[in-house]
Every structure is written in C-alpha cells, then in structure tokens.
Protein backbone atom coordinates (compact mmCIF):
# COMPACT_ATOMS: atom_id res chain seq x y z
CA MET A 1 26.83 -9.47 20.60
CA THR A 2 25.88 -6.15 19.00
CA LYS A 3 22.25 -5.03 18.73
CA ILE A 4 21.51 -2.94 15.65
CA GLY A 5 18.62 -0.60 14.88
CA LEU A 6 18.28 0.03 11.13
CA LEU A 7 16.22 2.74 9.46
CA SER A 8 16.10 4.67 6.21
CA ASP A 9 14.31 7.43 4.35
CA THR A 10 13.38 9.60 7.30
CA HIS A 11 13.02 12.60 4.95
CA SER A 12 13.43 15.17 7.78
CA PHE A 13 10.99 13.39 10.13
CA LEU A 14 12.07 11.29 13.08
CA ASP A 15 9.23 9.42 14.77
CA GLU A 16 9.67 9.49 18.56
CA LYS A 17 8.95 5.75 18.65
CA VAL A 18 12.37 5.18 17.04
CA PHE A 19 13.95 6.01 20.40
CA GLN A 20 11.70 3.53 22.19
CA TYR A 21 12.30 0.68 19.75
CA PHE A 22 16.05 1.33 19.51
CA ALA A 23 16.59 1.91 23.26
CA GLU A 24 18.27 -1.48 23.72
CA CYS A 25 20.34 -1.20 20.53
CA ASP A 26 24.08 -0.66 20.67
CA GLU A 27 24.24 1.15 17.32
CA VAL A 28 21.85 2.85 14.90
CA TRP A 29 22.40 2.52 11.15
CA HIS A 30 20.71 4.85 8.64
CA ALA A 31 20.59 3.83 4.97
CA GLY A 32 20.23 7.36 3.58
CA ASP A 33 17.80 10.18 2.92
CA PHE A 34 18.09 11.69 6.39
CA GLY A 35 16.49 14.80 4.93
CA ASN A 36 18.12 17.26 7.29
CA VAL A 37 21.01 17.60 9.71
CA ALA A 38 18.66 17.69 12.72
CA VAL A 39 17.65 14.05 12.13
CA MET A 40 21.29 12.99 11.83
CA ASP A 41 22.30 14.96 14.93
CA ARG A 42 19.47 13.54 17.07
CA LEU A 43 20.43 10.00 16.10
CA LYS A 44 24.13 10.70 16.78
CA ALA A 45 23.25 12.07 20.24
CA PHE A 46 21.15 8.95 20.96
CA LYS A 47 23.48 6.09 19.93
CA PRO A 48 26.61 5.54 17.86
CA LEU A 49 25.48 6.18 14.28
CA ARG A 50 26.68 4.69 11.00
CA GLY A 51 25.09 5.79 7.77
CA VAL A 52 25.26 6.86 4.17
CA TYR A 53 23.85 9.88 2.43
CA GLY A 54 20.87 9.57 0.12
CA ASN A 55 19.83 11.35 -3.04
CA ILE A 56 17.87 14.06 -1.16
CA ASP A 57 20.62 14.80 1.37
CA GLY A 58 22.46 18.10 1.08
CA LYS A 59 26.07 19.19 1.50
CA GLU A 60 26.09 19.12 5.30
CA ILE A 61 25.03 15.48 5.50
CA ARG A 62 27.27 14.49 2.57
CA ALA A 63 30.20 16.04 4.44
CA GLU A 64 29.65 13.59 7.31
CA MET A 65 28.19 10.52 5.63
CA PRO A 66 29.72 8.67 2.65
CA LEU A 67 27.99 7.39 -0.51
CA ASP A 68 29.10 3.83 0.30
CA LEU A 69 30.11 2.41 3.64
CA ARG A 70 32.01 -0.85 4.20
CA PHE A 71 32.83 -2.12 7.65
CA GLU A 72 32.76 -5.18 9.86
CA CYS A 73 30.64 -5.38 12.98
CA ASP A 74 30.93 -8.29 15.40
CA GLY A 75 32.48 -10.47 12.72
CA VAL A 76 29.87 -9.63 10.05
CA PRO A 77 30.97 -7.81 6.88
CA VAL A 78 28.60 -4.98 5.89
CA PHE A 79 28.20 -2.94 2.71
CA MET A 80 25.69 -0.06 2.88
CA THR A 81 24.59 2.40 0.22
CA HIS A 82 21.36 4.30 -0.37
CA ILE A 83 20.43 3.41 -3.96
CA GLY A 84 21.29 -0.25 -4.28
CA GLY A 85 18.39 -2.36 -5.44
CA TYR A 86 17.98 -5.95 -4.33
CA PRO A 87 18.99 -9.47 -5.44
CA GLY A 88 18.22 -9.87 -9.13
CA ARG A 89 17.57 -6.11 -9.54
CA TYR A 90 20.67 -4.27 -8.37
CA ASN A 91 21.52 -0.74 -9.41
CA PRO A 92 24.21 -1.12 -12.15
CA ARG A 93 26.88 0.74 -10.15
CA VAL A 94 26.22 -1.38 -7.08
CA ARG A 95 25.99 -4.63 -9.05
CA SER A 96 29.58 -4.22 -10.24
CA ILE A 97 30.75 -3.48 -6.67
CA LEU A 98 28.91 -6.48 -5.26
CA GLN A 99 30.16 -8.83 -7.98
CA ALA A 100 33.76 -7.70 -7.50
CA ASP A 101 33.72 -7.79 -3.69
CA PRO A 102 30.54 -9.10 -2.06
CA PRO A 103 30.12 -8.94 1.72
CA ARG A 104 30.20 -12.77 1.92
CA ASP A 105 28.20 -14.23 4.81
CA GLY A 106 27.32 -10.65 5.71
CA LEU A 107 24.90 -7.86 4.91
CA PHE A 108 24.11 -5.63 1.97
CA ILE A 109 21.95 -2.74 3.19
CA SER A 110 20.21 -0.15 1.06
CA GLY A 111 17.26 2.22 1.25
CA HIS A 112 15.69 4.51 -1.38
CA SER A 113 12.79 2.35 -2.59
CA HIS A 114 10.66 2.79 0.56
CA ILE A 115 9.96 -0.95 0.20
CA LEU A 116 10.85 -3.16 3.15
CA LYS A 117 12.81 -6.19 1.92
CA VAL A 118 14.79 -8.87 3.72
CA MET A 119 16.08 -11.46 1.28
CA PRO A 120 19.17 -13.56 0.69
CA ASP A 121 21.39 -13.27 -2.35
CA ARG A 122 22.27 -16.94 -2.66
CA THR A 123 24.50 -16.33 -5.68
CA LEU A 124 26.75 -13.77 -3.99
CA GLY A 125 26.34 -15.15 -0.48
CA PHE A 126 24.88 -12.43 1.76
CA LEU A 127 21.62 -11.14 3.23
CA HIS A 128 20.04 -8.02 1.75
CA ILE A 129 18.05 -5.70 4.02
CA ASN A 130 16.13 -2.59 3.03
CA PRO A 131 14.35 -1.30 6.15
CA GLY A 132 11.70 0.51 4.11
CA ALA A 133 10.95 4.10 5.07
CA CYS A 134 10.17 5.60 8.45
CA GLY A 135 9.50 9.18 7.40
CA ASN A 136 6.27 10.80 6.31
CA GLU A 137 7.36 11.57 2.72
CA GLY A 138 6.98 9.06 -0.10
CA TRP A 139 4.46 6.59 -1.36
CA HIS A 140 4.84 3.99 1.42
CA LYS A 141 1.76 3.53 3.59
CA VAL A 142 3.42 2.17 6.76
CA LYS A 143 6.60 3.44 8.43
CA THR A 144 9.03 0.59 9.17
CA LEU A 145 12.25 -0.14 11.07
CA VAL A 146 14.40 -3.25 11.43
CA ARG A 147 16.25 -4.57 14.48
CA PHE A 148 18.71 -7.46 14.55
CA THR A 149 21.76 -8.77 16.33
CA LEU A 150 25.24 -9.54 15.12
CA ASP A 151 27.17 -12.09 17.13
CA ARG A 152 30.57 -13.51 16.16
CA GLY A 153 29.82 -13.59 12.44
CA THR A 154 26.14 -14.51 12.77
CA ILE A 155 23.06 -12.40 11.93
CA GLY A 156 20.09 -13.18 14.18
CA ASP A 157 16.99 -12.06 16.05
CA LEU A 158 15.71 -10.08 13.06
CA GLN A 159 12.60 -8.05 13.87
CA ILE A 160 10.50 -5.89 11.61
CA ILE A 161 8.76 -3.01 13.37
CA GLU A 162 5.81 -1.11 11.96
CA LEU A 163 5.43 2.40 13.35
CA GLY A 164 2.00 2.98 11.86
CA GLY A 165 0.90 4.91 8.81
CA ARG A 166 2.56 8.08 7.61
CA GLY A 167 1.81 10.85 10.07
CA ILE A 168 0.47 8.31 12.61
CA GLY A 169 2.12 6.85 15.70
CA GLY A 170 1.83 3.19 16.53
CA GLY A 171 4.29 0.42 16.89
CA LYS A 172 3.77 -3.19 15.99
CA GLU A 173 6.60 -5.69 16.00
CA LYS A 174 6.81 -8.57 13.58
CA MET A 175 9.31 -11.28 14.27
CA GLY A 176 11.13 -12.60 11.24
C-alpha cells in the first residue's frame, strides 16, 4: 500500500500544516503551479515528490518537472497535468490524450482551476482528482489538500483536508 498526499497551486506559499497532514504519506504529488523553486525543494526534502509544472512556473521548475506525467503506482495507472479540466469539460489538448490512452481504472489528476473536484469519468473509466489550491493566491476561499491510498490497483481511503482560508491556518479533515 502507498499513501499519497496530493496538492496543487501553492503559488510560492507552502502552509506548514502540509507537513503535518502528509507526515504519514509515502509520496507527495504536486499538480502544478509550485510558484517557486523553494516550494519544490522543501517538498522534495520532505518526501519523494512527483509533479508537473504549471502555467506560472518558470524555467527552473520546468527543467525538473514535465508538462505531463504518466506512471503507475502500486498497480494504479496515473496521468497528471496542470491544465486538464474535468469529465465533460476537458482541455482540448488533454481530451485527445485521454481519449487515445486513458488511465483505465486509474487516476487523472489536474490542478489550475483552484476548484476541488473528485469525480469519476465513467465513459473513459478512471477517477479524476483536482485537489483545489493550497496557496494564498487565487480566488479560492479555502486551501485544500487530498490524501488517499493506492493498494494493488485499488484507490481508497480518500480524504479531503481543508487548511483554512487563504492566509489562515487551520486543518479540518473531511472523509470522502
């Protein structure tokens, strides 16, 4: 079993509560818009990090993180990109990728919208997760994270974590 901590859209701010909520995680995944190299480096020093660059990320982050990332973790296929959309409203570039080669029985992860979404794509056969935003920049009102487990091809124990409003600490878990 692999425990995953998923975040996105930090925009150069890394809430200290991330380290508390991801302490038991085996890996941290970031769905883009790190904002600066310091955020990426702190996460890499904390846990093994997988991620993609976002539209605000500069050359240094783009040199280390790809636009799209495909991998398998504990038997679960994963496709991650920053600007992806969601079932029924995919970004045109991503729609063609997903239609040609969907991560069947796996995960499609994106960020960018600052809107937390966890929803299945029943047509293409995977679960979509956008962890929302956990930085202080953007129009979102509450900073969010997602935790889940991957175990021999199964996605489970999904938890949504609210860190509080922008610029505010906090930490409220919601089981999903």
